[in-house]
């Protein structure tokens, strides 16, 4: 199993849809070898990710409660990961703004 996929069962508060989808995408990337989604791979990767996320959601809903919470904290609950995501979003928004304003820049 991919070491980057953390245990979602037994989290308090329960795993969010975003956390489940992130784990599903990580699984799809691992089994397909697709590290970066392109136009050619986008649709099948997104479809597989959604299907797996749906299955995981149903599975988590049907399993009994855990006696102890998982030992690891999911990445989306870690402060340093949230900071990286916020920085990437800020950079992406700035990049899109440059496009909208017609400002020359590099990619």
PDB file of N, CA and C in Angstrom:
ATOM      1  N   UNK A   1       0.848  -1.185   0.000  1.00  0.00           N
ATOM      2  CA  UNK A   1       0.000   0.000   0.000  1.00  0.00           C
ATOM      3  C   UNK A   1       0.883   1.234   0.000  1.00  0.00           C
ATOM      4  N   UNK A   2       0.420   2.264  -0.607  1.00  0.00           N
ATOM      5  CA  UNK A   2       1.160   3.516  -0.677  1.00  0.00           C
ATOM      6  C   UNK A   2       1.321   4.095   0.727  1.00  0.00           C
ATOM      7  N   UNK A   3       2.521   4.433   1.087  1.00  0.00           N
ATOM      8  CA  UNK A   3       2.774   4.961   2.425  1.00  0.00           C
ATOM      9  C   UNK A   3       2.170   6.341   2.625  1.00  0.00           C
ATOM     10  N   UNK A   4       1.837   7.046   1.555  1.00  0.00           N
ATOM     11  CA  UNK A   4       1.300   8.400   1.678  1.00  0.00           C
ATOM     12  C   UNK A   4      -0.196   8.435   1.966  1.00  0.00           C
ATOM     13  N   UNK A   5      -0.851   7.313   1.893  1.00  0.00           N
ATOM     14  CA  UNK A   5      -2.275   7.276   2.178  1.00  0.00           C
ATOM     15  C   UNK A   5      -2.448   7.007   3.664  1.00  0.00           C
ATOM     16  N   UNK A   6      -3.078   7.934   4.366  1.00  0.00           N
ATOM     17  CA  UNK A   6      -3.242   7.783   5.806  1.00  0.00           C
ATOM     18  C   UNK A   6      -4.583   7.145   6.133  1.00  0.00           C
ATOM     19  N   UNK A   7      -4.668   6.604   7.323  1.00  0.00           N
ATOM     20  CA  UNK A   7      -5.899   5.974   7.794  1.00  0.00           C
ATOM     21  C   UNK A   7      -6.951   7.049   8.056  1.00  0.00           C
ATOM     22  N   UNK A   8      -8.131   6.892   7.480  1.00  0.00           N
ATOM     23  CA  UNK A   8      -9.204   7.870   7.647  1.00  0.00           C
ATOM     24  C   UNK A   8     -10.267   7.392   8.634  1.00  0.00           C
ATOM     25  N   UNK A   9     -10.325   6.113   8.853  1.00  0.00           N
ATOM     26  CA  UNK A   9     -11.331   5.565   9.771  1.00  0.00           C
ATOM     27  C   UNK A   9     -10.973   5.914  11.210  1.00  0.00           C
ATOM     28  N   UNK A  10     -11.930   6.432  11.940  1.00  0.00           N
ATOM     29  CA  UNK A  10     -11.741   6.719  13.346  1.00  0.00           C
ATOM     30  C   UNK A  10     -11.271   8.123  13.655  1.00  0.00           C
ATOM     31  N   UNK A  11     -11.201   8.977  12.638  1.00  0.00           N
ATOM     32  CA  UNK A  11     -10.780  10.354  12.882  1.00  0.00           C
ATOM     33  C   UNK A  11     -11.859  11.110  13.634  1.00  0.00           C
ATOM     34  N   UNK A  12     -11.428  12.057  14.440  1.00  0.00           N
ATOM     35  CA  UNK A  12     -12.355  12.977  15.120  1.00  0.00           C
ATOM     36  C   UNK A  12     -11.926  14.390  14.806  1.00  0.00           C
ATOM     37  N   UNK A  13     -12.730  15.167  14.141  1.00  0.00           N
ATOM     38  CA  UNK A  13     -14.001  14.805  13.521  1.00  0.00           C
ATOM     39  C   UNK A  13     -13.780  13.822  12.367  1.00  0.00           C
ATOM     40  N   UNK A  14     -14.856  13.177  11.929  1.00  0.00           N
ATOM     41  CA  UNK A  14     -14.732  12.180  10.855  1.00  0.00           C
ATOM     42  C   UNK A  14     -14.079  12.768   9.593  1.00  0.00           C
ATOM     43  N   UNK A  15     -13.539  11.866   8.789  1.00  0.00           N
ATOM     44  CA  UNK A  15     -12.897  12.271   7.534  1.00  0.00           C
ATOM     45  C   UNK A  15     -13.858  13.085   6.681  1.00  0.00           C
ATOM     46  N   UNK A  16     -13.330  14.140   6.083  1.00  0.00           N
ATOM     47  CA  UNK A  16     -14.132  14.996   5.217  1.00  0.00           C
ATOM     48  C   UNK A  16     -14.140  14.431   3.799  1.00  0.00           C
ATOM     49  N   UNK A  17     -15.050  14.926   2.983  1.00  0.00           N
ATOM     50  CA  UNK A  17     -15.077  14.532   1.570  1.00  0.00           C
ATOM     51  C   UNK A  17     -13.751  14.886   0.905  1.00  0.00           C
ATOM     52  N   UNK A  18     -13.184  16.027   1.266  1.00  0.00           N
ATOM     53  CA  UNK A  18     -11.912  16.461   0.685  1.00  0.00           C
ATOM     54  C   UNK A  18     -10.782  15.485   1.040  1.00  0.00           C
ATOM     55  N   UNK A  19     -10.749  15.023   2.287  1.00  0.00           N
ATOM     56  CA  UNK A  19      -9.721  14.066   2.706  1.00  0.00           C
ATOM     57  C   UNK A  19      -9.896  12.728   2.007  1.00  0.00           C
ATOM     58  N   UNK A  20     -11.135  12.291   1.859  1.00  0.00           N
ATOM     59  CA  UNK A  20     -11.403  11.030   1.175  1.00  0.00           C
ATOM     60  C   UNK A  20     -11.013  11.129  -0.295  1.00  0.00           C
ATOM     61  N   UNK A  21     -11.349  12.233  -0.936  1.00  0.00           N
ATOM     62  CA  UNK A  21     -10.989  12.425  -2.343  1.00  0.00           C
ATOM     63  C   UNK A  21      -9.480  12.499  -2.519  1.00  0.00           C
ATOM     64  N   UNK A  22      -8.786  13.173  -1.604  1.00  0.00           N
ATOM     65  CA  UNK A  22      -7.325  13.257  -1.681  1.00  0.00           C
ATOM     66  C   UNK A  22      -6.695  11.871  -1.571  1.00  0.00           C
ATOM     67  N   UNK A  23      -7.205  11.038  -0.667  1.00  0.00           N
ATOM     68  CA  UNK A  23      -6.687   9.674  -0.523  1.00  0.00           C
ATOM     69  C   UNK A  23      -6.981   8.860  -1.783  1.00  0.00           C
ATOM     70  N   UNK A  24      -8.171   9.034  -2.348  1.00  0.00           N
ATOM     71  CA  UNK A  24      -8.538   8.310  -3.571  1.00  0.00           C
ATOM     72  C   UNK A  24      -7.633   8.718  -4.729  1.00  0.00           C
ATOM     73  N   UNK A  25      -7.363  10.012  -4.853  1.00  0.00           N
ATOM     74  CA  UNK A  25      -6.477  10.492  -5.918  1.00  0.00           C
ATOM     75  C   UNK A  25      -5.064   9.938  -5.730  1.00  0.00           C
ATOM     76  N   UNK A  26      -4.588   9.906  -4.504  1.00  0.00           N
ATOM     77  CA  UNK A  26      -3.264   9.354  -4.233  1.00  0.00           C
ATOM     78  C   UNK A  26      -3.202   7.889  -4.652  1.00  0.00           C
ATOM     79  N   UNK A  27      -4.257   7.143  -4.360  1.00  0.00           N
ATOM     80  CA  UNK A  27      -4.325   5.737  -4.752  1.00  0.00           C
ATOM     81  C   UNK A  27      -4.307   5.604  -6.276  1.00  0.00           C
ATOM     82  N   UNK A  28      -5.125   6.405  -6.957  1.00  0.00           N
ATOM     83  CA  UNK A  28      -5.190   6.343  -8.420  1.00  0.00           C
ATOM     84  C   UNK A  28      -3.824   6.689  -9.021  1.00  0.00           C
ATOM     85  N   UNK A  29      -3.177   7.700  -8.508  1.00  0.00           N
ATOM     86  CA  UNK A  29      -1.849   8.072  -9.018  1.00  0.00           C
ATOM     87  C   UNK A  29      -0.854   6.935  -8.826  1.00  0.00           C
ATOM     88  N   UNK A  30      -0.922   6.283  -7.670  1.00  0.00           N
ATOM     89  CA  UNK A  30       0.011   5.197  -7.373  1.00  0.00           C
ATOM     90  C   UNK A  30      -0.189   4.023  -8.322  1.00  0.00           C
ATOM     91  N   UNK A  31      -1.417   3.571  -8.483  1.00  0.00           N
ATOM     92  CA  UNK A  31      -1.652   2.366  -9.285  1.00  0.00           C
ATOM     93  C   UNK A  31      -1.504   2.624 -10.782  1.00  0.00           C
ATOM     94  N   UNK A  32      -1.693   3.873 -11.225  1.00  0.00           N
ATOM     95  CA  UNK A  32      -1.580   4.161 -12.658  1.00  0.00           C
ATOM     96  C   UNK A  32      -0.206   4.679 -13.055  1.00  0.00           C
ATOM     97  N   UNK A  33       0.534   5.188 -12.084  1.00  0.00           N
ATOM     98  CA  UNK A  33       1.824   5.793 -12.412  1.00  0.00           C
ATOM     99  C   UNK A  33       1.685   7.198 -12.960  1.00  0.00           C
ATOM    100  N   UNK A  34       0.485   7.762 -12.932  1.00  0.00           N
ATOM    101  CA  UNK A  34       0.246   9.125 -13.407  1.00  0.00           C
ATOM    102  C   UNK A  34       0.592  10.077 -12.263  1.00  0.00           C
ATOM    103  N   UNK A  35       1.712  10.769 -12.399  1.00  0.00           N
ATOM    104  CA  UNK A  35       2.115  11.676 -11.329  1.00  0.00           C
ATOM    105  C   UNK A  35       1.566  13.080 -11.532  1.00  0.00           C
ATOM    106  N   UNK A  36       1.382  13.443 -12.795  1.00  0.00           N
ATOM    107  CA  UNK A  36       0.822  14.757 -13.097  1.00  0.00           C
ATOM    108  C   UNK A  36      -0.288  14.566 -14.132  1.00  0.00           C
ATOM    109  N   UNK A  37      -1.475  15.029 -13.800  1.00  0.00           N
ATOM    110  CA  UNK A  37      -2.628  14.849 -14.676  1.00  0.00           C
ATOM    111  C   UNK A  37      -2.486  15.769 -15.888  1.00  0.00           C
ATOM    112  N   UNK A  38      -2.663  15.193 -17.075  1.00  0.00           N
ATOM    113  CA  UNK A  38      -2.603  15.961 -18.323  1.00  0.00           C
ATOM    114  C   UNK A  38      -3.989  15.948 -18.958  1.00  0.00           C
ATOM    115  N   UNK A  39      -4.122  16.634 -20.084  1.00  0.00           N
ATOM    116  CA  UNK A  39      -5.402  16.624 -20.794  1.00  0.00           C
ATOM    117  C   UNK A  39      -5.782  15.199 -21.205  1.00  0.00           C
ATOM    118  N   UNK A  40      -4.791  14.385 -21.541  1.00  0.00           N
ATOM    119  CA  UNK A  40      -5.051  13.015 -21.984  1.00  0.00           C
ATOM    120  C   UNK A  40      -5.487  12.108 -20.838  1.00  0.00           C
ATOM    121  N   UNK A  41      -5.057  12.409 -19.617  1.00  0.00           N
ATOM    122  CA  UNK A  41      -5.373  11.534 -18.485  1.00  0.00           C
ATOM    123  C   UNK A  41      -6.423  12.109 -17.534  1.00  0.00           C
ATOM    124  N   UNK A  42      -6.769  13.369 -17.701  1.00  0.00           N
ATOM    125  CA  UNK A  42      -7.657  14.049 -16.746  1.00  0.00           C
ATOM    126  C   UNK A  42      -8.985  13.323 -16.526  1.00  0.00           C
ATOM    127  N   UNK A  43      -9.704  13.051 -17.599  1.00  0.00           N
ATOM    128  CA  UNK A  43     -11.044  12.456 -17.457  1.00  0.00           C
ATOM    129  C   UNK A  43     -11.013  11.084 -16.788  1.00  0.00           C
ATOM    130  N   UNK A  44     -10.174  10.135 -17.259  1.00  0.00           N
ATOM    131  CA  UNK A  44     -10.179   8.838 -16.593  1.00  0.00           C
ATOM    132  C   UNK A  44      -9.689   8.897 -15.139  1.00  0.00           C
ATOM    133  N   UNK A  45      -8.720   9.765 -14.851  1.00  0.00           N
ATOM    134  CA  UNK A  45      -8.223   9.887 -13.480  1.00  0.00           C
ATOM    135  C   UNK A  45      -9.298  10.482 -12.578  1.00  0.00           C
ATOM    136  N   UNK A  46      -9.975  11.525 -13.049  1.00  0.00           N
ATOM    137  CA  UNK A  46     -11.036  12.141 -12.243  1.00  0.00           C
ATOM    138  C   UNK A  46     -12.192  11.164 -12.017  1.00  0.00           C
ATOM    139  N   UNK A  47     -12.557  10.405 -13.037  1.00  0.00           N
ATOM    140  CA  UNK A  47     -13.646   9.440 -12.904  1.00  0.00           C
ATOM    141  C   UNK A  47     -13.275   8.344 -11.906  1.00  0.00           C
ATOM    142  N   UNK A  48     -12.070   7.799 -12.039  1.00  0.00           N
ATOM    143  CA  UNK A  48     -11.636   6.745 -11.120  1.00  0.00           C
ATOM    144  C   UNK A  48     -11.541   7.281  -9.693  1.00  0.00           C
ATOM    145  N   UNK A  49     -11.023   8.491  -9.542  1.00  0.00           N
ATOM    146  CA  UNK A  49     -10.913   9.093  -8.216  1.00  0.00           C
ATOM    147  C   UNK A  49     -12.283   9.243  -7.575  1.00  0.00           C
ATOM    148  N   UNK A  50     -13.258   9.711  -8.331  1.00  0.00           N
ATOM    149  CA  UNK A  50     -14.608   9.881  -7.790  1.00  0.00           C
ATOM    150  C   UNK A  50     -15.232   8.543  -7.407  1.00  0.00           C
ATOM    151  N   UNK A  51     -15.057   7.543  -8.273  1.00  0.00           N
ATOM    152  CA  UNK A  51     -15.617   6.219  -7.977  1.00  0.00           C
ATOM    153  C   UNK A  51     -14.995   5.636  -6.711  1.00  0.00           C
ATOM    154  N   UNK A  52     -13.684   5.759  -6.573  1.00  0.00           N
ATOM    155  CA  UNK A  52     -13.011   5.232  -5.387  1.00  0.00           C
ATOM    156  C   UNK A  52     -13.423   6.022  -4.150  1.00  0.00           C
ATOM    157  N   UNK A  53     -13.536   7.331  -4.269  1.00  0.00           N
ATOM    158  CA  UNK A  53     -13.974   8.152  -3.133  1.00  0.00           C
ATOM    159  C   UNK A  53     -15.374   7.743  -2.686  1.00  0.00           C
ATOM    160  N   UNK A  54     -16.256   7.466  -3.635  1.00  0.00           N
ATOM    161  CA  UNK A  54     -17.616   7.013  -3.295  1.00  0.00           C
ATOM    162  C   UNK A  54     -17.582   5.678  -2.550  1.00  0.00           C
ATOM    163  N   UNK A  55     -16.750   4.761  -3.036  1.00  0.00           N
ATOM    164  CA  UNK A  55     -16.624   3.449  -2.393  1.00  0.00           C
ATOM    165  C   UNK A  55     -16.069   3.603  -0.977  1.00  0.00           C
ATOM    166  N   UNK A  56     -15.035   4.428  -0.822  1.00  0.00           N
ATOM    167  CA  UNK A  56     -14.429   4.631   0.496  1.00  0.00           C
ATOM    168  C   UNK A  56     -15.430   5.271   1.453  1.00  0.00           C
ATOM    169  N   UNK A  57     -16.204   6.226   0.970  1.00  0.00           N
ATOM    170  CA  UNK A  57     -17.217   6.868   1.807  1.00  0.00           C
ATOM    171  C   UNK A  57     -18.215   5.838   2.324  1.00  0.00           C
ATOM    172  N   UNK A  58     -18.713   4.988   1.414  1.00  0.00           N
ATOM    173  CA  UNK A  58     -19.655   3.946   1.831  1.00  0.00           C
ATOM    174  C   UNK A  58     -19.002   2.979   2.813  1.00  0.00           C
ATOM    175  N   UNK A  59     -17.762   2.615   2.540  1.00  0.00           N
ATOM    176  CA  UNK A  59     -17.047   1.690   3.415  1.00  0.00           C
ATOM    177  C   UNK A  59     -16.878   2.278   4.817  1.00  0.00           C
ATOM    178  N   UNK A  60     -16.436   3.526   4.903  1.00  0.00           N
ATOM    179  CA  UNK A  60     -16.255   4.162   6.209  1.00  0.00           C
ATOM    180  C   UNK A  60     -17.578   4.263   6.966  1.00  0.00           C
ATOM    181  N   UNK A  61     -18.659   4.474   6.229  1.00  0.00           N
ATOM    182  CA  UNK A  61     -19.979   4.570   6.862  1.00  0.00           C
ATOM    183  C   UNK A  61     -20.461   3.231   7.428  1.00  0.00           C
ATOM    184  N   UNK A  62     -19.997   2.120   6.859  1.00  0.00           N
ATOM    185  CA  UNK A  62     -20.491   0.817   7.287  1.00  0.00           C
ATOM    186  C   UNK A  62     -19.595   0.115   8.299  1.00  0.00           C
ATOM    187  N   UNK A  63     -18.350   0.531   8.419  1.00  0.00           N
ATOM    188  CA  UNK A  63     -17.440  -0.116   9.368  1.00  0.00           C
ATOM    189  C   UNK A  63     -17.768   0.286  10.800  1.00  0.00           C
ATOM    190  N   UNK A  64     -17.510  -0.601  11.761  1.00  0.00           N
ATOM    191  CA  UNK A  64     -17.742  -0.237  13.164  1.00  0.00           C
ATOM    192  C   UNK A  64     -16.724   0.810  13.627  1.00  0.00           C
ATOM    193  N   UNK A  65     -17.031   1.442  14.759  1.00  0.00           N
ATOM    194  CA  UNK A  65     -16.134   2.445  15.333  1.00  0.00           C
ATOM    195  C   UNK A  65     -14.790   1.799  15.672  1.00  0.00           C
ATOM    196  N   UNK A  66     -13.747   2.588  15.597  1.00  0.00           N
ATOM    197  CA  UNK A  66     -12.425   2.125  16.035  1.00  0.00           C
ATOM    198  C   UNK A  66     -12.318   2.265  17.545  1.00  0.00           C
ATOM    199  N   UNK A  67     -11.532   1.440  18.151  1.00  0.00           N
ATOM    200  CA  UNK A  67     -11.313   1.545  19.593  1.00  0.00           C
ATOM    201  C   UNK A  67     -10.338   2.664  19.919  1.00  0.00           C
ATOM    202  N   UNK A  68      -9.397   2.906  19.003  1.00  0.00           N
ATOM    203  CA  UNK A  68      -8.415   3.979  19.189  1.00  0.00           C
ATOM    204  C   UNK A  68      -8.308   4.756  17.881  1.00  0.00           C
ATOM    205  N   UNK A  69      -8.032   6.045  17.979  1.00  0.00           N
ATOM    206  CA  UNK A  69      -7.884   6.825  16.752  1.00  0.00           C
ATOM    207  C   UNK A  69      -6.629   6.404  15.990  1.00  0.00           C
ATOM    208  N   UNK A  70      -6.552   6.734  14.702  1.00  0.00           N
ATOM    209  CA  UNK A  70      -5.354   6.412  13.918  1.00  0.00           C
ATOM    210  C   UNK A  70      -4.128   7.109  14.511  1.00  0.00           C
ATOM    211  N   UNK A  71      -2.955   6.523  14.289  1.00  0.00           N
ATOM    212  CA  UNK A  71      -1.716   7.072  14.841  1.00  0.00           C
ATOM    213  C   UNK A  71      -1.198   8.274  14.059  1.00  0.00           C
ATOM    214  N   UNK A  72      -1.558   8.359  12.798  1.00  0.00           N
ATOM    215  CA  UNK A  72      -1.069   9.469  11.975  1.00  0.00           C
ATOM    216  C   UNK A  72      -2.186  10.462  11.688  1.00  0.00           C
ATOM    217  N   UNK A  73      -1.794  11.696  11.513  1.00  0.00           N
ATOM    218  CA  UNK A  73      -2.740  12.762  11.195  1.00  0.00           C
ATOM    219  C   UNK A  73      -2.772  12.906   9.675  1.00  0.00           C
ATOM    220  N   UNK A  74      -3.962  12.900   9.074  1.00  0.00           N
ATOM    221  CA  UNK A  74      -4.034  13.062   7.613  1.00  0.00           C
ATOM    222  C   UNK A  74      -3.382  14.376   7.180  1.00  0.00           C
ATOM    223  N   UNK A  75      -2.753  14.371   6.009  1.00  0.00           N
ATOM    224  CA  UNK A  75      -2.045  15.567   5.543  1.00  0.00           C
ATOM    225  C   UNK A  75      -2.897  16.834   5.546  1.00  0.00           C
ATOM    226  N   UNK A  76      -4.157  16.743   5.139  1.00  0.00           N
ATOM    227  CA  UNK A  76      -4.976  17.950   5.053  1.00  0.00           C
ATOM    228  C   UNK A  76      -5.287  18.541   6.424  1.00  0.00           C
ATOM    229  N   UNK A  77      -4.953  17.835   7.488  1.00  0.00           N
ATOM    230  CA  UNK A  77      -5.156  18.349   8.845  1.00  0.00           C
ATOM    231  C   UNK A  77      -3.864  18.898   9.444  1.00  0.00           C
ATOM    232  N   UNK A  78      -2.778  18.860   8.690  1.00  0.00           N
ATOM    233  CA  UNK A  78      -1.488  19.345   9.183  1.00  0.00           C
ATOM    234  C   UNK A  78      -1.300  20.807   8.782  1.00  0.00           C
ATOM    235  N   UNK A  79      -0.860  21.608   9.744  1.00  0.00           N
ATOM    236  CA  UNK A  79      -0.698  23.049   9.513  1.00  0.00           C
ATOM    237  C   UNK A  79       0.251  23.340   8.358  1.00  0.00           C
ATOM    238  N   UNK A  80       1.378  22.630   8.286  1.00  0.00           N
ATOM    239  CA  UNK A  80       2.359  22.913   7.237  1.00  0.00           C
ATOM    240  C   UNK A  80       1.804  22.609   5.850  1.00  0.00           C
ATOM    241  N   UNK A  81       0.947  21.601   5.751  1.00  0.00           N
ATOM    242  CA  UNK A  81       0.327  21.273   4.463  1.00  0.00           C
ATOM    243  C   UNK A  81      -0.686  22.356   4.090  1.00  0.00           C
ATOM    244  N   UNK A  82      -1.473  22.798   5.045  1.00  0.00           N
ATOM    245  CA  UNK A  82      -2.444  23.869   4.785  1.00  0.00           C
ATOM    246  C   UNK A  82      -1.729  25.142   4.337  1.00  0.00           C
ATOM    247  N   UNK A  83      -0.572  25.439   4.929  1.00  0.00           N
ATOM    248  CA  UNK A  83       0.206  26.611   4.518  1.00  0.00           C
ATOM    249  C   UNK A  83       0.694  26.474   3.080  1.00  0.00           C
ATOM    250  N   UNK A  84       1.183  25.275   2.704  1.00  0.00           N
ATOM    251  CA  UNK A  84       1.635  25.055   1.328  1.00  0.00           C
ATOM    252  C   UNK A  84       0.484  25.194   0.347  1.00  0.00           C
ATOM    253  N   UNK A  85      -0.682  24.652   0.702  1.00  0.00           N
ATOM    254  CA  UNK A  85      -1.849  24.759  -0.174  1.00  0.00           C
ATOM    255  C   UNK A  85      -2.249  26.216  -0.338  1.00  0.00           C
ATOM    256  N   UNK A  86      -2.268  26.974   0.758  1.00  0.00           N
ATOM    257  CA  UNK A  86      -2.630  28.395   0.702  1.00  0.00           C
ATOM    258  C   UNK A  86      -1.633  29.165  -0.161  1.00  0.00           C
ATOM    259  N   UNK A  87      -0.355  28.859  -0.048  1.00  0.00           N
ATOM    260  CA  UNK A  87       0.669  29.543  -0.853  1.00  0.00           C
ATOM    261  C   UNK A  87       0.487  29.223  -2.330  1.00  0.00           C
ATOM    262  N   UNK A  88       0.226  27.945  -2.649  1.00  0.00           N
ATOM    263  CA  UNK A  88      -0.003  27.563  -4.046  1.00  0.00           C
ATOM    264  C   UNK A  88      -1.223  28.260  -4.624  1.00  0.00           C
ATOM    265  N   UNK A  89      -2.294  28.336  -3.843  1.00  0.00           N
ATOM    266  CA  UNK A  89      -3.510  29.015  -4.298  1.00  0.00           C
ATOM    267  C   UNK A  89      -3.231  30.499  -4.548  1.00  0.00           C
ATOM    268  N   UNK A  90      -2.480  31.119  -3.664  1.00  0.00           N
ATOM    269  CA  UNK A  90      -2.131  32.530  -3.813  1.00  0.00           C
ATOM    270  C   UNK A  90      -1.316  32.744  -5.090  1.00  0.00           C
ATOM    271  N   UNK A  91      -0.336  31.877  -5.320  1.00  0.00           N
ATOM    272  CA  UNK A  91       0.488  31.978  -6.525  1.00  0.00           C
ATOM    273  C   UNK A  91      -0.346  31.740  -7.774  1.00  0.00           C
ATOM    274  N   UNK A  92      -1.260  30.775  -7.732  1.00  0.00           N
ATOM    275  CA  UNK A  92      -2.120  30.489  -8.880  1.00  0.00           C
ATOM    276  C   UNK A  92      -3.022  31.678  -9.194  1.00  0.00           C
ATOM    277  N   UNK A  93      -3.606  32.275  -8.148  1.00  0.00           N
ATOM    278  CA  UNK A  93      -4.469  33.440  -8.349  1.00  0.00           C
ATOM    279  C   UNK A  93      -3.688  34.608  -8.932  1.00  0.00           C
ATOM    280  N   UNK A  94      -2.466  34.815  -8.447  1.00  0.00           N
ATOM    281  CA  UNK A  94      -1.625  35.892  -8.978  1.00  0.00           C
ATOM    282  C   UNK A  94      -1.282  35.620 -10.440  1.00  0.00           C
ATOM    283  N   UNK A  95      -0.982  34.383 -10.767  1.00  0.00           N
ATOM    284  CA  UNK A  95      -0.660  34.006 -12.137  1.00  0.00           C
ATOM    285  C   UNK A  95      -1.858  34.260 -13.063  1.00  0.00           C
ATOM    286  N   UNK A  96      -3.043  33.856 -12.605  1.00  0.00           N
ATOM    287  CA  UNK A  96      -4.248  34.072 -13.419  1.00  0.00           C
ATOM    288  C   UNK A  96      -4.532  35.564 -13.581  1.00  0.00           C
ATOM    289  N   UNK A  97      -4.273  36.333 -12.531  1.00  0.00           N
ATOM    290  CA  UNK A  97      -4.468  37.780 -12.601  1.00  0.00           C
ATOM    291  C   UNK A  97      -3.542  38.395 -13.645  1.00  0.00           C
ATOM    292  N   UNK A  98      -2.303  37.918 -13.715  1.00  0.00           N
ATOM    293  CA  UNK A  98      -1.354  38.415 -14.717  1.00  0.00           C
ATOM    294  C   UNK A  98      -1.866  38.121 -16.126  1.00  0.00           C
ATOM    295  N   UNK A  99      -2.439  36.932 -16.313  1.00  0.00           N
ATOM    296  CA  UNK A  99      -3.017  36.595 -17.610  1.00  0.00           C
ATOM    297  C   UNK A  99      -4.171  37.542 -17.949  1.00  0.00           C
ATOM    298  N   UNK A 100      -5.055  37.754 -16.985  1.00  0.00           N
ATOM    299  CA  UNK A 100      -6.210  38.626 -17.210  1.00  0.00           C
ATOM    300  C   UNK A 100      -5.803  40.047 -17.566  1.00  0.00           C
ATOM    301  N   UNK A 101      -4.730  40.528 -16.929  1.00  0.00           N
ATOM    302  CA  UNK A 101      -4.270  41.893 -17.168  1.00  0.00           C
ATOM    303  C   UNK A 101      -3.337  41.988 -18.370  1.00  0.00           C
ATOM    304  N   UNK A 102      -2.950  40.850 -18.933  1.00  0.00           N
ATOM    305  CA  UNK A 102      -2.076  40.861 -20.086  1.00  0.00           C
ATOM    306  C   UNK A 102      -0.633  41.202 -19.731  1.00  0.00           C
ATOM    307  N   UNK A 103      -0.236  40.937 -18.504  1.00  0.00           N
ATOM    308  CA  UNK A 103       1.123  41.240 -18.056  1.00  0.00           C
ATOM    309  C   UNK A 103       2.038  40.090 -18.477  1.00  0.00           C
ATOM    310  N   UNK A 104       3.159  40.463 -19.097  1.00  0.00           N
ATOM    311  CA  UNK A 104       4.123  39.452 -19.527  1.00  0.00           C
ATOM    312  C   UNK A 104       4.745  38.776 -18.308  1.00  0.00           C
ATOM    313  N   UNK A 105       4.887  37.454 -18.393  1.00  0.00           N
ATOM    314  CA  UNK A 105       5.486  36.684 -17.306  1.00  0.00           C
ATOM    315  C   UNK A 105       5.977  35.365 -17.862  1.00  0.00           C
ATOM    316  N   UNK A 106       6.702  34.626 -17.025  1.00  0.00           N
ATOM    317  CA  UNK A 106       7.210  33.321 -17.458  1.00  0.00           C
ATOM    318  C   UNK A 106       6.398  32.224 -16.800  1.00  0.00           C
ATOM    319  N   UNK A 107       6.441  31.049 -17.414  1.00  0.00           N
ATOM    320  CA  UNK A 107       5.735  29.878 -16.858  1.00  0.00           C
ATOM    321  C   UNK A 107       6.737  28.890 -16.345  1.00  0.00           C
TER     322      UNK A 107
END
